[in-house]
N, C-alpha and C. Protein backbone atom coordinates (compact mmCIF):
# COMPACT_ATOMS: atom_id res chain seq x y z
N MET A 1 71.09 -145.57 -56.50
CA MET A 1 70.96 -144.21 -56.22
C MET A 1 69.55 -144.81 -55.37
N ALA A 2 69.37 -144.16 -54.13
CA ALA A 2 68.13 -144.43 -53.59
C ALA A 2 67.58 -143.06 -52.67
N ARG A 3 66.49 -142.58 -52.94
CA ARG A 3 66.12 -141.77 -52.38
C ARG A 3 65.64 -141.46 -51.42
N VAL A 4 65.83 -141.07 -50.10
CA VAL A 4 65.09 -141.59 -48.39
C VAL A 4 64.57 -140.08 -47.64
N VAL A 5 63.29 -140.44 -47.47
CA VAL A 5 62.84 -138.72 -46.91
C VAL A 5 62.77 -139.00 -45.15
N VAL A 6 63.16 -137.51 -44.49
CA VAL A 6 62.83 -138.03 -43.19
C VAL A 6 62.07 -137.01 -42.98
N ASP A 7 60.72 -136.84 -42.37
CA ASP A 7 59.77 -136.09 -42.16
C ASP A 7 59.87 -135.60 -40.69
N VAL A 8 59.93 -134.63 -40.35
CA VAL A 8 60.64 -134.08 -38.92
C VAL A 8 59.04 -133.02 -38.63
N MET A 9 58.28 -133.39 -37.12
CA MET A 9 57.49 -132.51 -36.63
C MET A 9 56.97 -132.44 -35.54
N PRO A 10 56.98 -131.42 -35.21
CA PRO A 10 56.65 -130.81 -33.41
C PRO A 10 56.35 -132.10 -32.52
N LYS A 11 56.26 -132.51 -31.66
CA LYS A 11 55.74 -133.83 -30.95
C LYS A 11 54.71 -132.70 -30.64
N PRO A 12 53.27 -133.48 -30.71
CA PRO A 12 51.90 -132.75 -30.00
C PRO A 12 52.32 -132.28 -29.02
N GLU A 13 52.87 -132.74 -28.06
CA GLU A 13 52.49 -131.85 -26.52
C GLU A 13 53.31 -130.53 -26.62
N ILE A 14 54.01 -130.47 -28.06
CA ILE A 14 55.30 -128.82 -27.96
C ILE A 14 54.15 -127.82 -28.53
N LEU A 15 53.87 -126.98 -28.12
CA LEU A 15 53.32 -125.68 -28.96
C LEU A 15 54.03 -125.16 -30.63
N ASP A 16 53.02 -124.61 -31.68
CA ASP A 16 53.98 -124.54 -32.91
C ASP A 16 53.11 -123.46 -32.84
N PRO A 17 53.68 -122.31 -32.90
CA PRO A 17 53.24 -121.49 -33.13
C PRO A 17 53.48 -120.93 -34.97
N GLN A 18 54.22 -121.53 -35.81
CA GLN A 18 53.99 -121.58 -36.94
C GLN A 18 52.79 -121.94 -37.63
N GLY A 19 52.26 -122.83 -37.02
CA GLY A 19 51.24 -123.72 -37.05
C GLY A 19 50.21 -122.95 -36.92
N LYS A 20 50.46 -122.59 -36.18
CA LYS A 20 48.44 -121.74 -35.25
C LYS A 20 48.57 -120.41 -36.46
N ALA A 21 49.57 -119.96 -36.53
CA ALA A 21 49.85 -118.28 -37.50
C ALA A 21 49.56 -118.98 -38.68
N VAL A 22 49.91 -120.06 -39.59
CA VAL A 22 48.82 -120.19 -40.66
C VAL A 22 47.70 -120.68 -40.29
N LEU A 23 47.16 -121.15 -39.48
CA LEU A 23 45.83 -121.87 -39.43
C LEU A 23 44.85 -120.62 -39.21
N GLY A 24 45.61 -119.08 -38.76
CA GLY A 24 44.51 -118.03 -38.39
C GLY A 24 44.72 -117.86 -39.84
N ALA A 25 45.50 -117.37 -40.40
CA ALA A 25 45.55 -116.98 -42.24
C ALA A 25 44.70 -117.67 -42.81
N LEU A 26 44.48 -118.84 -42.92
CA LEU A 26 43.65 -119.72 -43.77
C LEU A 26 42.17 -118.99 -44.12
N PRO A 27 41.41 -118.93 -43.07
CA PRO A 27 40.21 -118.24 -43.30
C PRO A 27 40.41 -116.91 -43.73
N ARG A 28 41.71 -115.90 -43.33
CA ARG A 28 41.70 -115.13 -43.86
C ARG A 28 41.93 -114.81 -45.60
N LEU A 29 42.15 -115.48 -45.92
CA LEU A 29 42.32 -115.78 -47.28
C LEU A 29 41.10 -116.50 -47.98
N GLY A 30 40.09 -116.95 -47.15
CA GLY A 30 39.01 -117.76 -47.73
C GLY A 30 39.07 -119.03 -47.63
N PHE A 31 39.63 -119.61 -47.17
CA PHE A 31 40.01 -120.96 -46.96
C PHE A 31 38.97 -121.45 -45.43
N GLU A 32 38.33 -122.46 -46.04
CA GLU A 32 37.39 -122.91 -44.72
C GLU A 32 37.94 -124.39 -44.18
N GLY A 33 37.59 -124.61 -43.15
CA GLY A 33 37.30 -126.11 -42.55
C GLY A 33 38.61 -126.74 -42.00
N VAL A 34 39.85 -126.20 -41.77
CA VAL A 34 40.78 -126.39 -41.24
C VAL A 34 41.09 -126.51 -40.12
N THR A 35 40.93 -127.13 -39.38
CA THR A 35 41.02 -127.51 -37.54
C THR A 35 42.24 -127.12 -36.83
N ASP A 36 43.52 -127.40 -37.67
CA ASP A 36 44.51 -127.42 -37.27
C ASP A 36 45.27 -127.49 -38.51
N VAL A 37 47.15 -127.14 -37.85
CA VAL A 37 47.92 -126.88 -38.83
C VAL A 37 49.25 -127.28 -38.18
N ARG A 38 50.21 -128.27 -38.25
CA ARG A 38 51.25 -128.34 -37.48
C ARG A 38 52.00 -128.40 -38.82
N GLN A 39 53.08 -127.52 -38.82
CA GLN A 39 54.39 -127.32 -39.31
C GLN A 39 55.55 -128.10 -39.02
N GLY A 40 56.16 -128.55 -39.72
CA GLY A 40 57.71 -129.29 -39.71
C GLY A 40 58.65 -129.57 -41.05
N LYS A 41 59.14 -130.17 -40.60
CA LYS A 41 60.45 -130.48 -42.24
C LYS A 41 60.52 -131.58 -42.57
N ARG A 42 60.87 -131.30 -44.26
CA ARG A 42 61.04 -132.09 -45.05
C ARG A 42 62.59 -132.34 -45.44
N PHE A 43 63.16 -133.55 -45.52
CA PHE A 43 64.78 -133.53 -45.66
C PHE A 43 64.73 -134.91 -46.70
N GLU A 44 65.00 -134.94 -47.81
CA GLU A 44 65.25 -135.81 -49.29
C GLU A 44 66.95 -136.22 -48.96
N LEU A 45 67.36 -137.15 -49.05
CA LEU A 45 68.34 -137.61 -49.38
C LEU A 45 68.62 -138.70 -49.99
N GLU A 46 69.73 -138.26 -51.35
CA GLU A 46 69.84 -139.62 -52.14
C GLU A 46 71.25 -140.33 -51.87
N ILE A 47 70.93 -141.61 -51.55
CA ILE A 47 72.03 -142.29 -51.29
C ILE A 47 72.43 -142.92 -52.07
N ASP A 48 74.12 -142.35 -52.56
CA ASP A 48 74.60 -143.60 -53.48
C ASP A 48 74.92 -145.05 -53.26
N GLY A 49 74.72 -145.81 -54.21
CA GLY A 49 75.05 -147.37 -53.90
C GLY A 49 73.65 -147.65 -53.50
N GLU A 50 73.53 -149.18 -52.99
CA GLU A 50 72.18 -149.92 -52.54
C GLU A 50 72.33 -149.46 -51.43
N LEU A 51 70.56 -149.35 -51.07
CA LEU A 51 70.04 -148.80 -49.84
C LEU A 51 70.04 -150.35 -48.78
N THR A 52 71.24 -150.58 -48.33
CA THR A 52 71.10 -151.43 -47.61
C THR A 52 70.56 -151.36 -46.09
N PRO A 53 70.25 -152.56 -45.06
CA PRO A 53 69.58 -152.17 -44.14
C PRO A 53 70.67 -151.47 -42.99
N ALA A 54 72.04 -151.44 -43.46
CA ALA A 54 73.01 -150.56 -42.34
C ALA A 54 72.89 -149.50 -42.60
N ARG A 55 72.94 -149.12 -44.53
CA ARG A 55 72.49 -147.60 -44.85
C ARG A 55 71.46 -146.92 -44.29
N LEU A 56 70.23 -147.99 -44.12
CA LEU A 56 68.88 -147.41 -43.35
C LEU A 56 69.30 -146.94 -42.15
N ALA A 57 69.76 -147.95 -41.34
CA ALA A 57 70.30 -147.46 -40.00
C ALA A 57 70.90 -146.09 -39.62
N GLU A 58 72.26 -145.95 -40.18
CA GLU A 58 72.80 -144.90 -40.21
C GLU A 58 71.72 -143.52 -40.85
N VAL A 59 71.12 -143.73 -41.90
CA VAL A 59 69.97 -142.40 -41.76
C VAL A 59 69.25 -141.88 -40.97
N GLU A 60 68.39 -143.20 -39.67
CA GLU A 60 68.10 -143.08 -38.84
C GLU A 60 69.00 -142.58 -37.47
N GLN A 61 70.23 -142.74 -37.96
CA GLN A 61 70.97 -141.63 -36.94
C GLN A 61 71.62 -140.48 -37.13
N MET A 62 71.23 -140.19 -38.62
CA MET A 62 71.85 -138.80 -38.94
C MET A 62 70.25 -138.12 -38.73
N ALA A 63 68.74 -138.61 -38.85
CA ALA A 63 67.40 -137.67 -38.07
C ALA A 63 67.77 -137.42 -36.82
N GLU A 64 68.31 -138.69 -35.65
CA GLU A 64 68.29 -138.56 -34.60
C GLU A 64 68.98 -137.31 -34.12
N THR A 65 70.20 -137.63 -34.67
CA THR A 65 71.27 -136.48 -34.41
C THR A 65 71.42 -135.33 -34.83
N LEU A 66 70.85 -135.23 -36.42
CA LEU A 66 71.37 -133.76 -36.75
C LEU A 66 70.14 -133.11 -37.42
N LEU A 67 68.82 -134.06 -37.74
CA LEU A 67 67.76 -133.44 -38.77
C LEU A 67 67.32 -132.97 -37.44
N SER A 68 66.47 -133.59 -36.85
CA SER A 68 65.42 -133.45 -35.52
C SER A 68 66.64 -133.42 -33.86
N ASN A 69 65.22 -132.41 -33.28
CA ASN A 69 65.65 -132.87 -31.94
C ASN A 69 64.77 -133.12 -31.42
N PRO A 70 65.14 -134.82 -30.57
CA PRO A 70 64.66 -135.55 -30.31
C PRO A 70 63.61 -135.08 -29.10
N VAL A 71 64.29 -134.37 -28.87
CA VAL A 71 63.57 -133.13 -27.34
C VAL A 71 62.09 -133.08 -27.55
N ILE A 72 61.97 -132.18 -28.91
CA ILE A 72 60.85 -131.40 -28.72
C ILE A 72 60.08 -132.08 -30.05
N GLU A 73 60.46 -132.55 -31.24
CA GLU A 73 60.49 -133.37 -32.29
C GLU A 73 60.44 -134.96 -32.16
N ASP A 74 59.85 -135.14 -33.32
CA ASP A 74 59.29 -136.92 -33.73
C ASP A 74 60.17 -136.87 -35.42
N TYR A 75 60.41 -137.86 -35.62
CA TYR A 75 60.63 -138.05 -36.99
C TYR A 75 60.63 -139.46 -37.74
N ALA A 76 60.16 -139.55 -38.94
CA ALA A 76 59.60 -140.55 -39.62
C ALA A 76 60.59 -141.19 -40.65
N VAL A 77 61.18 -142.00 -41.30
CA VAL A 77 62.06 -142.40 -42.18
C VAL A 77 61.48 -143.22 -43.40
N ARG A 78 61.50 -143.15 -44.39
CA ARG A 78 60.59 -143.60 -45.30
C ARG A 78 61.38 -143.46 -46.95
N VAL A 79 61.66 -144.35 -47.44
CA VAL A 79 62.19 -145.09 -49.06
C VAL A 79 61.11 -144.61 -50.03
N LEU A 80 61.99 -143.58 -50.62
CA LEU A 80 60.78 -143.21 -51.93
C LEU A 80 60.92 -144.42 -52.68
N ALA A 81 59.88 -144.35 -53.57
CA ALA A 81 60.05 -145.89 -54.52
C ALA A 81 61.07 -145.26 -55.79
N GLU A 82 61.52 -145.83 -56.60
CA GLU A 82 62.36 -145.02 -57.64
C GLU A 82 61.41 -145.57 -58.76
N PRO A 83 61.87 -144.58 -59.74
CA PRO A 83 60.84 -144.20 -60.90
C PRO A 83 61.44 -145.35 -61.74
N GLU A 84 59.92 -145.69 -62.67
CA GLU A 84 60.79 -147.18 -63.58
C GLU A 84 60.95 -145.86 -64.73
N VAL A 85 62.47 -147.03 -65.35
CA VAL A 85 63.28 -146.56 -66.57
C VAL A 85 62.10 -146.19 -67.56
N GLY A 86 62.33 -145.09 -68.07
CA GLY A 86 61.64 -144.67 -69.11
C GLY A 86 60.65 -143.81 -69.04
N ALA A 87 59.88 -143.65 -67.65
CA ALA A 87 58.68 -143.05 -67.16
C ALA A 87 58.77 -141.76 -67.29
């Protein structure tokens, strides 16, 4: 079994009101030095069986057609390293 992560973020040219709200709240809570915040989504998918190039291409298709809106969002697919047995 493999675990694949899809990170989805608004494209740089798209306004991010949620990120701006977080950015405005940080100083009010005593956190200084943050100059920008962008809020996105993270999906973790557990893939049954071996993660072949064909399966990874299928995850890419999932990311493009369901998990993100390619008009306003970018996505990145990455495979998480499997933990060592007994760790």
